[in-house]
Protein backbone atom coordinates (compact mmCIF):
# COMPACT_ATOMS: atom_id res chain seq x y z
CA MET A 1 46.29 125.80 72.14
CA PRO A 2 49.73 127.33 71.32
CA GLY A 3 50.87 129.97 73.78
CA ASP A 4 48.60 128.67 76.52
CA LEU A 5 50.34 129.20 79.87
CA ASN A 6 49.25 125.76 81.04
CA THR A 7 51.27 124.06 78.30
CA ILE A 8 54.44 126.17 78.41
CA ASP A 9 57.45 124.33 79.82
CA LEU A 10 59.18 126.81 82.13
CA LYS A 11 62.06 124.47 82.91
CA PRO A 12 65.30 125.76 81.34
CA LYS A 13 66.72 123.66 78.51
CA LEU A 14 70.32 124.86 78.82
CA ILE A 15 72.78 125.51 81.63
CA SER A 16 75.84 127.76 81.63
CA ARG A 17 79.35 126.54 82.32
CA LYS A 18 79.46 128.40 85.65
CA ASN A 19 76.05 127.14 86.76
CA LEU A 20 77.05 123.60 85.85
CA ALA A 21 80.25 123.97 87.87
CA ASP A 22 78.21 125.22 90.83
CA ARG A 23 75.66 122.43 90.39
CA TRP A 24 78.36 119.73 90.41
CA GLU A 25 80.48 121.55 93.02
CA ILE A 26 83.53 121.56 90.75
CA SER A 27 85.64 124.29 89.19
CA VAL A 28 84.83 125.87 85.85
CA GLN A 29 88.18 124.51 84.64
CA THR A 30 87.01 120.96 85.44
CA VAL A 31 83.89 121.55 83.35
CA ILE A 32 86.17 122.61 80.49
CA VAL A 33 88.22 119.43 80.94
CA TYR A 34 85.03 117.31 80.93
CA GLU A 35 84.03 119.01 77.68
CA ALA A 36 87.47 118.38 76.12
CA GLU A 37 87.30 114.70 77.18
CA GLY A 38 83.85 114.31 75.64
CA ILE A 39 82.11 113.64 78.95
CA ILE A 40 79.75 116.54 78.31
CA THR A 41 78.82 118.18 75.02
CA ARG A 42 78.65 121.92 74.51
CA VAL A 43 75.81 123.29 72.36
CA PRO A 44 77.83 124.31 69.29
CA SER A 45 75.50 126.97 67.87
CA LEU A 46 75.88 129.37 70.81
CA PRO A 47 78.74 131.84 71.31
CA THR A 48 78.87 131.27 75.08
CA PRO A 49 79.29 127.78 76.53
CA ARG A 50 75.94 126.14 77.28
CA TYR A 51 75.03 122.51 77.93
CA LYS A 52 71.74 120.69 77.53
CA ILE A 53 70.00 120.09 80.85
CA ALA A 54 68.70 116.74 79.56
CA GLU A 55 72.27 115.52 78.96
CA ILE A 56 73.41 116.75 82.38
CA GLU A 57 70.48 115.02 84.11
CA LYS A 58 71.26 111.82 82.22
CA ILE A 59 74.88 111.95 83.42
CA GLU A 60 73.73 112.64 86.97
CA GLY A 61 71.51 109.58 86.83
CA ILE A 62 74.45 107.24 86.33
CA GLU A 63 74.86 104.96 89.30
CA GLU A 64 78.32 104.24 90.58
CA ASN A 65 79.63 100.76 89.98
CA PRO A 66 79.18 98.83 93.23
CA LEU A 67 82.15 96.56 92.49
CA SER A 68 85.65 97.44 93.58
CA PRO A 69 88.31 97.16 90.87
CA ILE A 70 89.74 94.06 92.58
CA GLU A 71 86.33 92.38 92.78
CA ARG A 72 85.65 93.25 89.13
CA ARG A 73 88.96 91.66 88.02
CA ARG A 74 88.23 88.57 90.13
CA LEU A 75 84.79 88.17 88.57
CA GLU A 76 86.13 88.76 85.06
CA LYS A 77 88.79 86.07 85.61
CA GLU A 78 86.19 83.68 87.01
CA ASN A 79 83.96 84.37 84.01
CA LYS A 80 86.83 83.63 81.60
CA ASP A 81 87.73 80.43 83.45
CA LEU A 82 84.13 79.24 83.33
CA ARG A 83 83.90 80.00 79.61
CA ASP A 84 87.10 78.04 79.02
CA GLN A 85 85.71 75.10 81.02
CA LEU A 86 82.47 75.22 79.06
CA SER A 87 84.38 75.19 75.79
CA PHE A 88 86.41 72.18 76.95
CA VAL A 89 83.28 70.27 78.04
CA ASN A 90 81.54 71.05 74.74
CA LYS A 91 84.53 69.71 72.79
CA LEU A 92 84.60 66.61 75.00
CA ILE A 93 80.89 65.97 74.42
CA SER A 94 81.37 66.45 70.69
CA ASN A 95 84.23 63.92 70.64
CA ILE A 96 82.22 61.38 72.66
CA SER A 97 79.26 61.88 70.35
CA LEU A 98 81.46 61.23 67.30
CA GLN A 99 82.86 58.07 68.87
CA CYS A 100 79.39 56.79 69.71
CA THR A 101 78.17 57.31 66.16
CA SER A 102 81.20 55.52 64.72
CA TYR A 103 80.58 52.46 66.99
CA SER A 104 76.92 52.27 66.08
CA LYS A 105 77.69 51.76 62.38
């Protein structure tokens, strides 16, 4: 039933710039920078800056990358080397296969 108190969501849908700064323990200016960089999106239809709680909670749910930058580069290089090796082996197998078919004729 519409208007039933049991079905009304009392959780706020929007958060102010100041409350977001307090929540993240950063300055209001940093929130403005995050907005300018596209990290967070301001609700455009309101005259005062407000942000969707759902978007903020989604951002807060991001886990930090467990790899250090050095470890990430090492793994990326290893991945590239393995792909190159695989490509070489596939070409080698293809050449051997072609040679075998030409001998069988």
